[in-house]
Amino acid sequence: MRELIRQHYPELTPSERKLAGTLLENYPAAGLASITVVASNAGVSTPTVARMIKKLGFKGYPQFHQALLHELEAKGVGPTQRRNNWLSEAPETHLLNRFSQAVSYNLEQTFAHIESARFDQVIGKLADADKRLYIVGGRITHALADYAFTHLQAVRPHVTHMTSSSGTWPHYVLDMEPGETLLIFDIRRYETNLLRLAELVGKQGVNIVLCTDQWGSPISSVADFTFNCWVEIPSGWDSNISTMMLLEAMIAAVQEQRWPETRKRYERLDELFDMTHLFRRFI
């Protein structure tokens, strides 16, 4: 719904844009009241609300309101309900085909909603080795954070992987400086401790880069940069494939931006691996 409003924003009248701004600023709560309350809160007339809703493709405000409620409900569903949703709509094809179709759709939607200029801005933050980079994930997404750290730490210096234990986070925040960056992963069900961390870090002037799902973690409200990744698959669990693809694109972009320095780090890292005999050489 948020993306739908943004797509239609250029064709809206000034008063409709005022309403759209109010809805986006306090999304989705601003649209969950009655049409008269929504109009009053935005400082526009009720007919203005009705006209904008129709421009979004809805027959009337009740349909718009219901769509918002469905989206809000989707944010909090657990594995059992997600699986039931898929089973009720499952096409009569093999699970592998349904997975393939869902993943392809997720990748297409994810990358279609990434603005190249915003992506480049984030890469500039991630590549700036003069400023420390912190990385953290949640219950499921800690695996993404670990993957990001393993690669980015080889690409550039001054990268910190924050532990998954929120009790240790104040120790990291203690040393954070304005202009540094926190890369954070949070998908539904969204984690309260990650939101509190982001709020605390944001107050210290740290840049927050959020990777979340298509509905958007509450951290979006305090993040400087947000990437929405489509995650639904025919399973009780959400997929991290599109998020991983975005992460790998980030890693590749940071590597290219820092290549002369990164190449030296790679060569030195190989020397250290040889000294430790960690990997077997095939000649």
C-alpha atoms as a PDB file:
ATOM      1  CA  MET A   1       0.000   0.000   0.000  1.00  0.00           C
ATOM      2  CA  ARG A   2       2.822   2.398   0.821  1.00  0.00           C
ATOM      3  CA  GLU A   3       4.457   1.680  -2.525  1.00  0.00           C
ATOM      4  CA  LEU A   4       1.106   2.132  -4.285  1.00  0.00           C
ATOM      5  CA  ILE A   5       0.753   5.625  -2.811  1.00  0.00           C
ATOM      6  CA  ARG A   6       4.281   6.510  -3.915  1.00  0.00           C
ATOM      7  CA  GLN A   7       3.637   5.253  -7.444  1.00  0.00           C
ATOM      8  CA  HIS A   8       0.547   7.452  -7.851  1.00  0.00           C
ATOM      9  CA  TYR A   9       2.031  10.477  -6.059  1.00  0.00           C
ATOM     10  CA  PRO A  10       2.974  12.430  -9.263  1.00  0.00           C
ATOM     11  CA  GLU A  11      -0.647  12.429 -10.486  1.00  0.00           C
ATOM     12  CA  LEU A  12      -2.152  13.679  -7.220  1.00  0.00           C
ATOM     13  CA  THR A  13      -3.447  17.207  -6.641  1.00  0.00           C
ATOM     14  CA  PRO A  14      -1.764  19.392  -3.962  1.00  0.00           C
ATOM     15  CA  SER A  15      -4.421  18.548  -1.373  1.00  0.00           C
ATOM     16  CA  GLU A  16      -4.211  14.851  -2.233  1.00  0.00           C
ATOM     17  CA  ARG A  17      -0.429  15.006  -1.895  1.00  0.00           C
ATOM     18  CA  LYS A  18      -0.907  16.540   1.542  1.00  0.00           C
ATOM     19  CA  LEU A  19      -3.061  13.554   2.463  1.00  0.00           C
ATOM     20  CA  ALA A  20      -0.544  11.133   0.938  1.00  0.00           C
ATOM     21  CA  GLY A  21       2.229  12.724   2.979  1.00  0.00           C
ATOM     22  CA  THR A  22       0.248  12.275   6.179  1.00  0.00           C
ATOM     23  CA  LEU A  23      -0.438   8.628   5.379  1.00  0.00           C
ATOM     24  CA  LEU A  24       3.199   7.890   4.579  1.00  0.00           C
ATOM     25  CA  GLU A  25       4.540   9.762   7.587  1.00  0.00           C
ATOM     26  CA  ASN A  26       2.534   7.664  10.031  1.00  0.00           C
ATOM     27  CA  TYR A  27       2.040   4.480   8.037  1.00  0.00           C
ATOM     28  CA  PRO A  28      -0.157   2.470   8.333  1.00  0.00           C
ATOM     29  CA  ALA A  29      -1.794   3.882  11.487  1.00  0.00           C
ATOM     30  CA  ALA A  30      -2.850   7.122   9.762  1.00  0.00           C
ATOM     31  CA  GLY A  31      -5.132   5.183   7.411  1.00  0.00           C
ATOM     32  CA  LEU A  32      -6.748   2.875   9.920  1.00  0.00           C
ATOM     33  CA  ALA A  33      -9.300   5.387  11.258  1.00  0.00           C
ATOM     34  CA  SER A  34     -12.612   6.396   9.681  1.00  0.00           C
ATOM     35  CA  ILE A  35     -12.579   8.515   6.539  1.00  0.00           C
ATOM     36  CA  THR A  36     -13.653  11.629   8.457  1.00  0.00           C
ATOM     37  CA  VAL A  37     -10.900  11.197  11.044  1.00  0.00           C
ATOM     38  CA  VAL A  38      -8.290  10.566   8.336  1.00  0.00           C
ATOM     39  CA  ALA A  39      -9.400  13.715   6.506  1.00  0.00           C
ATOM     40  CA  SER A  40      -9.339  15.778   9.700  1.00  0.00           C
ATOM     41  CA  ASN A  41      -5.887  14.566  10.712  1.00  0.00           C
ATOM     42  CA  ALA A  42      -4.507  15.400   7.281  1.00  0.00           C
ATOM     43  CA  GLY A  43      -6.225  18.797   7.148  1.00  0.00           C
ATOM     44  CA  VAL A  44      -8.144  17.975   3.967  1.00  0.00           C
ATOM     45  CA  SER A  45     -11.794  17.386   3.084  1.00  0.00           C
ATOM     46  CA  THR A  46     -13.532  14.025   3.056  1.00  0.00           C
ATOM     47  CA  PRO A  47     -14.106  14.240  -0.743  1.00  0.00           C
ATOM     48  CA  THR A  48     -10.333  14.695  -1.148  1.00  0.00           C
ATOM     49  CA  VAL A  49      -9.767  11.392   0.647  1.00  0.00           C
ATOM     50  CA  ALA A  50     -12.369   9.669  -1.522  1.00  0.00           C
ATOM     51  CA  ARG A  51     -10.841  11.035  -4.739  1.00  0.00           C
ATOM     52  CA  MET A  52      -7.324   9.957  -3.837  1.00  0.00           C
ATOM     53  CA  ILE A  53      -8.502   6.468  -2.840  1.00  0.00           C
ATOM     54  CA  LYS A  54     -10.086   6.012  -6.265  1.00  0.00           C
ATOM     55  CA  LYS A  55      -6.861   7.138  -7.948  1.00  0.00           C
ATOM     56  CA  LEU A  56      -5.125   4.325  -6.094  1.00  0.00           C
ATOM     57  CA  GLY A  57      -7.527   1.861  -7.728  1.00  0.00           C
ATOM     58  CA  PHE A  58     -10.058   1.276  -4.937  1.00  0.00           C
ATOM     59  CA  LYS A  59     -13.820   1.541  -5.331  1.00  0.00           C
ATOM     60  CA  GLY A  60     -14.121   3.363  -2.042  1.00  0.00           C
ATOM     61  CA  TYR A  61     -12.616   3.990   1.362  1.00  0.00           C
ATOM     62  CA  PRO A  62     -13.869   0.708   2.921  1.00  0.00           C
ATOM     63  CA  GLN A  63     -11.843  -1.301   0.386  1.00  0.00           C
ATOM     64  CA  PHE A  64      -8.752   0.853   1.036  1.00  0.00           C
ATOM     65  CA  HIS A  65      -9.203   0.466   4.785  1.00  0.00           C
ATOM     66  CA  GLN A  66      -9.599  -3.303   4.474  1.00  0.00           C
ATOM     67  CA  ALA A  67      -6.445  -3.572   2.357  1.00  0.00           C
ATOM     68  CA  LEU A  68      -4.478  -1.747   5.052  1.00  0.00           C
ATOM     69  CA  LEU A  69      -5.823  -4.118   7.708  1.00  0.00           C
ATOM     70  CA  HIS A  70      -4.831  -7.161   5.634  1.00  0.00           C
ATOM     71  CA  GLU A  71      -1.328  -5.755   5.216  1.00  0.00           C
ATOM     72  CA  LEU A  72      -1.038  -5.069   8.935  1.00  0.00           C
ATOM     73  CA  GLU A  73      -2.218  -8.607   9.668  1.00  0.00           C
ATOM     74  CA  ALA A  74       0.347 -10.044   7.248  1.00  0.00           C
ATOM     75  CA  LYS A  75       3.178  -8.444   9.215  1.00  0.00           C
ATOM     76  CA  GLY A  76       2.521 -10.528  12.298  1.00  0.00           C
ATOM     77  CA  VAL A  77       1.625 -13.958  10.990  1.00  0.00           C
ATOM     78  CA  GLY A  78       3.607 -16.946  12.231  1.00  0.00           C
ATOM     79  CA  PRO A  79       4.822 -20.076  10.403  1.00  0.00           C
ATOM     80  CA  THR A  80       1.612 -22.098  10.867  1.00  0.00           C
ATOM     81  CA  GLN A  81      -0.661 -19.408   9.462  1.00  0.00           C
ATOM     82  CA  ARG A  82       1.730 -18.689   6.582  1.00  0.00           C
ATOM     83  CA  ARG A  83       1.712 -22.367   5.607  1.00  0.00           C
ATOM     84  CA  ASN A  84      -2.090 -22.509   5.790  1.00  0.00           C
ATOM     85  CA  ASN A  85      -2.320 -19.429   3.567  1.00  0.00           C
ATOM     86  CA  TRP A  86      -0.144 -21.092   0.966  1.00  0.00           C
ATOM     87  CA  LEU A  87      -1.991 -24.427   1.138  1.00  0.00           C
ATOM     88  CA  SER A  88      -5.348 -22.738   0.569  1.00  0.00           C
ATOM     89  CA  GLU A  89      -4.016 -21.065  -2.594  1.00  0.00           C
ATOM     90  CA  ALA A  90      -1.531 -23.698  -3.735  1.00  0.00           C
ATOM     91  CA  PRO A  91      -1.656 -24.469  -7.472  1.00  0.00           C
ATOM     92  CA  GLU A  92      -1.681 -28.119  -8.483  1.00  0.00           C
ATOM     93  CA  THR A  93       2.003 -28.172  -9.405  1.00  0.00           C
ATOM     94  CA  HIS A  94       5.081 -29.607  -7.786  1.00  0.00           C
ATOM     95  CA  LEU A  95       6.484 -27.785  -4.773  1.00  0.00           C
ATOM     96  CA  LEU A  96       9.768 -27.187  -6.603  1.00  0.00           C
ATOM     97  CA  ASN A  97       7.937 -25.299  -9.349  1.00  0.00           C
ATOM     98  CA  ARG A  98       6.040 -23.199  -6.833  1.00  0.00           C
ATOM     99  CA  PHE A  99       9.277 -22.386  -5.033  1.00  0.00           C
ATOM    100  CA  SER A 100      10.947 -21.419  -8.288  1.00  0.00           C
ATOM    101  CA  GLN A 101       8.059 -19.143  -9.262  1.00  0.00           C
ATOM    102  CA  ALA A 102       7.897 -17.512  -5.826  1.00  0.00           C
ATOM    103  CA  VAL A 103      11.642 -16.895  -5.620  1.00  0.00           C
ATOM    104  CA  SER A 104      11.775 -15.460  -9.143  1.00  0.00           C
ATOM    105  CA  TYR A 105       8.917 -13.108  -8.283  1.00  0.00           C
ATOM    106  CA  ASN A 106      10.612 -12.069  -5.037  1.00  0.00           C
ATOM    107  CA  LEU A 107      13.868 -11.246  -6.796  1.00  0.00           C
ATOM    108  CA  GLU A 108      12.093  -9.312  -9.539  1.00  0.00           C
ATOM    109  CA  GLN A 109      10.078  -7.230  -7.087  1.00  0.00           C
ATOM    110  CA  THR A 110      12.998  -6.608  -4.753  1.00  0.00           C
ATOM    111  CA  PHE A 111      15.363  -5.238  -7.370  1.00  0.00           C
ATOM    112  CA  ALA A 112      12.598  -3.337  -9.159  1.00  0.00           C
ATOM    113  CA  HIS A 113      12.016  -1.312  -5.988  1.00  0.00           C
ATOM    114  CA  ILE A 114      15.656  -0.358  -5.399  1.00  0.00           C
ATOM    115  CA  GLU A 115      16.644   3.104  -6.556  1.00  0.00           C
ATOM    116  CA  SER A 116      20.166   3.020  -7.974  1.00  0.00           C
ATOM    117  CA  ALA A 117      20.982   6.441  -6.492  1.00  0.00           C
ATOM    118  CA  ARG A 118      19.993   5.302  -2.984  1.00  0.00           C
ATOM    119  CA  PHE A 119      21.913   2.067  -3.459  1.00  0.00           C
ATOM    120  CA  ASP A 120      25.029   4.032  -4.447  1.00  0.00           C
ATOM    121  CA  GLN A 121      24.629   6.261  -1.386  1.00  0.00           C
ATOM    122  CA  VAL A 122      24.585   3.222   0.867  1.00  0.00           C
ATOM    123  CA  ILE A 123      27.636   1.735  -0.840  1.00  0.00           C
ATOM    124  CA  GLY A 124      29.476   4.971  -0.126  1.00  0.00           C
ATOM    125  CA  LYS A 125      28.684   4.553   3.574  1.00  0.00           C
ATOM    126  CA  LEU A 126      29.638   0.868   3.650  1.00  0.00           C
ATOM    127  CA  ALA A 127      32.897   1.513   1.788  1.00  0.00           C
ATOM    128  CA  ASP A 128      34.078   4.424   3.944  1.00  0.00           C
ATOM    129  CA  ALA A 129      36.826   2.779   5.998  1.00  0.00           C
ATOM    130  CA  ASP A 130      37.477   6.018   7.871  1.00  0.00           C
ATOM    131  CA  LYS A 131      34.212   5.311   9.676  1.00  0.00           C
ATOM    132  CA  ARG A 132      33.535   2.068  11.535  1.00  0.00           C
ATOM    133  CA  LEU A 133      30.834  -0.242  10.189  1.00  0.00           C
ATOM    134  CA  TYR A 134      28.652  -2.241  12.605  1.00  0.00           C
ATOM    135  CA  ILE A 135      26.534  -5.213  11.524  1.00  0.00           C
ATOM    136  CA  VAL A 136      23.713  -6.899  13.440  1.00  0.00           C
ATOM    137  CA  GLY A 137      20.839  -9.308  12.804  1.00  0.00           C
ATOM    138  CA  GLY A 138      18.029 -10.975  14.699  1.00  0.00           C
ATOM    139  CA  ARG A 139      16.848 -14.474  15.526  1.00  0.00           C
ATOM    140  CA  ILE A 140      16.819 -15.619  11.895  1.00  0.00           C
ATOM    141  CA  THR A 141      18.701 -12.809  10.182  1.00  0.00           C
ATOM    142  CA  HIS A 142      21.817 -13.200  12.336  1.00  0.00           C
ATOM    143  CA  ALA A 143      22.964 -15.589   9.576  1.00  0.00           C
ATOM    144  CA  LEU A 144      22.798 -12.723   7.071  1.00  0.00           C
ATOM    145  CA  ALA A 145      24.708 -10.477   9.467  1.00  0.00           C
ATOM    146  CA  ASP A 146      27.392 -13.137   9.881  1.00  0.00           C
ATOM    147  CA  TYR A 147      27.684 -13.541   6.105  1.00  0.00           C
ATOM    148  CA  ALA A 148      27.906  -9.771   5.635  1.00  0.00           C
ATOM    149  CA  PHE A 149      30.635  -9.480   8.268  1.00  0.00           C
ATOM    150  CA  THR A 150      32.723 -12.359   6.884  1.00  0.00           C
ATOM    151  CA  HIS A 151      32.897 -10.727   3.450  1.00  0.00           C
ATOM    152  CA  LEU A 152      32.970  -7.023   4.303  1.00  0.00           C
ATOM    153  CA  GLN A 153      35.669  -7.533   6.939  1.00  0.00           C
ATOM    154  CA  ALA A 154      37.904  -8.887   4.180  1.00  0.00           C
ATOM    155  CA  VAL A 155      36.985  -6.003   1.874  1.00  0.00           C
ATOM    156  CA  ARG A 156      37.652  -3.171   4.337  1.00  0.00           C
ATOM    157  CA  PRO A 157      38.978  -2.576   7.865  1.00  0.00           C
ATOM    158  CA  HIS A 158      37.057  -1.424  10.951  1.00  0.00           C
ATOM    159  CA  VAL A 159      34.048  -3.761  10.678  1.00  0.00           C
ATOM    160  CA  THR A 160      32.343  -4.962  13.856  1.00  0.00           C
ATOM    161  CA  HIS A 161      29.919  -7.904  14.040  1.00  0.00           C
ATOM    162  CA  MET A 162      27.632  -7.256  16.995  1.00  0.00           C
ATOM    163  CA  THR A 163      26.703 -10.398  18.909  1.00  0.00           C
ATOM    164  CA  SER A 164      23.138 -11.715  18.836  1.00  0.00           C
ATOM    165  CA  SER A 165      22.820 -11.098  22.576  1.00  0.00           C
ATOM    166  CA  SER A 166      21.088  -7.758  23.084  1.00  0.00           C
ATOM    167  CA  GLY A 167      22.565  -7.550  26.568  1.00  0.00           C
ATOM    168  CA  THR A 168      25.956  -6.800  25.031  1.00  0.00           C
ATOM    169  CA  TRP A 169      24.747  -4.093  22.647  1.00  0.00           C
ATOM    170  CA  PRO A 170      25.184  -1.120  25.020  1.00  0.00           C
ATOM    171  CA  HIS A 171      28.911  -1.924  25.036  1.00  0.00           C
ATOM    172  CA  TYR A 172      29.033  -1.415  21.262  1.00  0.00           C
ATOM    173  CA  VAL A 173      26.839   1.697  21.358  1.00  0.00           C
ATOM    174  CA  LEU A 174      29.172   3.178  23.952  1.00  0.00           C
ATOM    175  CA  ASP A 175      31.929   3.493  21.340  1.00  0.00           C
ATOM    176  CA  MET A 176      29.796   4.505  18.344  1.00  0.00           C
ATOM    177  CA  GLU A 177      30.596   7.879  16.792  1.00  0.00           C
ATOM    178  CA  PRO A 178      28.507  10.195  14.568  1.00  0.00           C
ATOM    179  CA  GLY A 179      28.912   9.363  10.898  1.00  0.00           C
ATOM    180  CA  GLU A 180      29.545   5.660  11.476  1.00  0.00           C
ATOM    181  CA  THR A 181      27.165   3.105   9.981  1.00  0.00           C
ATOM    182  CA  LEU A 182      24.986   0.297  11.331  1.00  0.00           C
ATOM    183  CA  LEU A 183      23.820  -2.357   8.844  1.00  0.00           C
ATOM    184  CA  ILE A 184      20.809  -4.077  10.386  1.00  0.00           C
ATOM    185  CA  PHE A 185      18.590  -6.963   9.242  1.00  0.00           C
ATOM    186  CA  ASP A 186      14.999  -7.316  10.506  1.00  0.00           C
ATOM    187  CA  ILE A 187      12.122  -9.263   8.930  1.00  0.00           C
ATOM    188  CA  ARG A 188       8.728 -10.301  10.314  1.00  0.00           C
ATOM    189  CA  ARG A 189       8.175 -11.073  13.118  1.00  0.00           C
ATOM    190  CA  TYR A 190       9.964  -7.837  13.848  1.00  0.00           C
ATOM    191  CA  GLU A 191      12.145  -7.799  16.932  1.00  0.00           C
ATOM    192  CA  THR A 192      11.568  -5.185  19.605  1.00  0.00           C
ATOM    193  CA  ASN A 193      15.174  -5.267  20.790  1.00  0.00           C
ATOM    194  CA  LEU A 194      16.432  -4.399  17.292  1.00  0.00           C
ATOM    195  CA  LEU A 195      14.064  -1.434  17.149  1.00  0.00           C
ATOM    196  CA  ARG A 196      15.295  -0.179  20.510  1.00  0.00           C
ATOM    197  CA  LEU A 197      18.886  -0.549  19.331  1.00  0.00           C
ATOM    198  CA  ALA A 198      18.157   1.426  16.156  1.00  0.00           C
ATOM    199  CA  GLU A 199      16.440   4.201  18.121  1.00  0.00           C
ATOM    200  CA  LEU A 200      19.392   4.433  20.482  1.00  0.00           C
ATOM    201  CA  VAL A 201      21.961   4.402  17.690  1.00  0.00           C
ATOM    202  CA  GLY A 202      20.058   6.957  15.626  1.00  0.00           C
ATOM    203  CA  LYS A 203      20.248   9.462  18.479  1.00  0.00           C
ATOM    204  CA  GLN A 204      24.035   9.235  18.310  1.00  0.00           C
ATOM    205  CA  GLY A 205      24.170  10.310  14.679  1.00  0.00           C
ATOM    206  CA  VAL A 206      24.991   6.845  13.325  1.00  0.00           C
ATOM    207  CA  ASN A 207      23.768   6.056   9.800  1.00  0.00           C
ATOM    208  CA  ILE A 208      21.266   3.183   9.857  1.00  0.00           C
ATOM    209  CA  VAL A 209      20.968   0.932   6.794  1.00  0.00           C
ATOM    210  CA  LEU A 210      18.017  -1.447   7.139  1.00  0.00           C
ATOM    211  CA  CYS A 211      17.345  -4.601   5.121  1.00  0.00           C
ATOM    212  CA  THR A 212      13.772  -5.736   5.778  1.00  0.00           C
ATOM    213  CA  ASP A 213      10.818  -7.409   4.062  1.00  0.00           C
ATOM    214  CA  GLN A 214       8.183  -5.947   1.730  1.00  0.00           C
ATOM    215  CA  TRP A 215       5.977  -4.814   4.611  1.00  0.00           C
ATOM    216  CA  GLY A 216       8.747  -2.935   6.356  1.00  0.00           C
ATOM    217  CA  SER A 217      10.124  -3.324   9.859  1.00  0.00           C
ATOM    218  CA  PRO A 218       9.207  -0.579  12.360  1.00  0.00           C
ATOM    219  CA  ILE A 219      12.895   0.307  12.181  1.00  0.00           C
ATOM    220  CA  SER A 220      12.047   1.934   8.831  1.00  0.00           C
ATOM    221  CA  SER A 221      10.796   4.959  10.768  1.00  0.00           C
ATOM    222  CA  VAL A 222      14.290   5.671  12.151  1.00  0.00           C
ATOM    223  CA  ALA A 223      16.503   4.213   9.396  1.00  0.00           C
ATOM    224  CA  ASP A 224      18.363   6.515   7.025  1.00  0.00           C
ATOM    225  CA  PHE A 225      18.211   3.933   4.235  1.00  0.00           C
ATOM    226  CA  THR A 226      15.705   1.093   3.884  1.00  0.00           C
ATOM    227  CA  PHE A 227      15.741  -1.773   1.398  1.00  0.00           C
ATOM    228  CA  ASN A 228      12.552  -3.825   1.135  1.00  0.00           C
ATOM    229  CA  CYS A 229      13.097  -7.430   0.058  1.00  0.00           C
ATOM    230  CA  TRP A 230      10.219  -9.695  -0.988  1.00  0.00           C
ATOM    231  CA  VAL A 231      10.259 -12.850   1.131  1.00  0.00           C
ATOM    232  CA  GLU A 232       7.069 -14.939   0.731  1.00  0.00           C
ATOM    233  CA  ILE A 233       7.434 -18.512  -0.459  1.00  0.00           C
ATOM    234  CA  PRO A 234       5.204 -21.642  -0.219  1.00  0.00           C
ATOM    235  CA  SER A 235       6.429 -22.435   3.265  1.00  0.00           C
ATOM    236  CA  GLY A 236       5.807 -21.684   6.921  1.00  0.00           C
ATOM    237  CA  TRP A 237       9.030 -19.665   6.804  1.00  0.00           C
ATOM    238  CA  ASP A 238       9.977 -16.573   4.852  1.00  0.00           C
ATOM    239  CA  SER A 239      12.800 -16.703   2.328  1.00  0.00           C
ATOM    240  CA  ASN A 240      16.122 -14.867   2.656  1.00  0.00           C
ATOM    241  CA  ILE A 241      17.089 -15.388  -0.986  1.00  0.00           C
ATOM    242  CA  SER A 242      16.239 -11.893  -2.228  1.00  0.00           C
ATOM    243  CA  THR A 243      17.860 -10.360   0.853  1.00  0.00           C
ATOM    244  CA  MET A 244      20.989 -12.445   0.251  1.00  0.00           C
ATOM    245  CA  MET A 245      21.079 -11.349  -3.398  1.00  0.00           C
ATOM    246  CA  LEU A 246      20.870  -7.711  -2.345  1.00  0.00           C
ATOM    247  CA  LEU A 247      23.598  -8.291   0.244  1.00  0.00           C
ATOM    248  CA  GLU A 248      25.876  -9.912  -2.316  1.00  0.00           C
ATOM    249  CA  ALA A 249      25.306  -6.973  -4.668  1.00  0.00           C
ATOM    250  CA  MET A 250      26.308  -4.648  -1.823  1.00  0.00           C
ATOM    251  CA  ILE A 251      29.450  -6.632  -1.077  1.00  0.00           C
ATOM    252  CA  ALA A 252      30.451  -6.642  -4.753  1.00  0.00           C
ATOM    253  CA  ALA A 253      29.842  -2.903  -5.047  1.00  0.00           C
ATOM    254  CA  VAL A 254      31.888  -2.097  -1.924  1.00  0.00           C
ATOM    255  CA  GLN A 255      34.699  -4.309  -3.232  1.00  0.00           C
ATOM    256  CA  GLU A 256      34.757  -2.493  -6.574  1.00  0.00           C
ATOM    257  CA  GLN A 257      34.676   0.941  -4.962  1.00  0.00           C
ATOM    258  CA  ARG A 258      37.670   0.046  -2.777  1.00  0.00           C
ATOM    259  CA  TRP A 259      39.439  -2.324  -5.177  1.00  0.00           C
ATOM    260  CA  PRO A 260      43.088  -1.093  -4.911  1.00  0.00           C
ATOM    261  CA  GLU A 261      42.968  -1.295  -1.089  1.00  0.00           C
ATOM    262  CA  THR A 262      40.823  -4.422  -1.097  1.00  0.00           C
ATOM    263  CA  ARG A 263      43.180  -6.263  -3.427  1.00  0.00           C
ATOM    264  CA  LYS A 264      46.031  -5.736  -0.952  1.00  0.00           C
ATOM    265  CA  ARG A 265      43.830  -7.036   1.873  1.00  0.00           C
ATOM    266  CA  TYR A 266      42.926 -10.140  -0.151  1.00  0.00           C
ATOM    267  CA  GLU A 267      46.597 -10.840  -0.910  1.00  0.00           C
ATOM    268  CA  ARG A 268      47.589 -10.427   2.737  1.00  0.00           C
ATOM    269  CA  LEU A 269      44.661 -12.601   3.825  1.00  0.00           C
ATOM    270  CA  ASP A 270      45.815 -15.358   1.463  1.00  0.00           C
ATOM    271  CA  GLU A 271      49.271 -15.153   2.991  1.00  0.00           C
ATOM    272  CA  LEU A 272      47.807 -15.593   6.453  1.00  0.00           C
ATOM    273  CA  PHE A 273      45.706 -18.549   5.309  1.00  0.00           C
ATOM    274  CA  ASP A 274      48.838 -20.163   3.860  1.00  0.00           C
ATOM    275  CA  MET A 275      50.675 -19.676   7.148  1.00  0.00           C
ATOM    276  CA  THR A 276      47.867 -21.310   9.126  1.00  0.00           C
ATOM    277  CA  HIS A 277      47.398 -24.148   6.608  1.00  0.00           C
ATOM    278  CA  LEU A 278      43.673 -23.619   6.974  1.00  0.00           C
ATOM    279  CA  PHE A 279      42.918 -24.524   3.364  1.00  0.00           C
ATOM    280  CA  ARG A 280      44.356 -27.263   1.179  1.00  0.00           C
ATOM    281  CA  ARG A 281      46.202 -26.043  -1.915  1.00  0.00           C
ATOM    282  CA  PHE A 282      45.624 -27.763  -5.236  1.00  0.00           C
ATOM    283  CA  ILE A 283      48.451 -27.144  -7.701  1.00  0.00           C
END
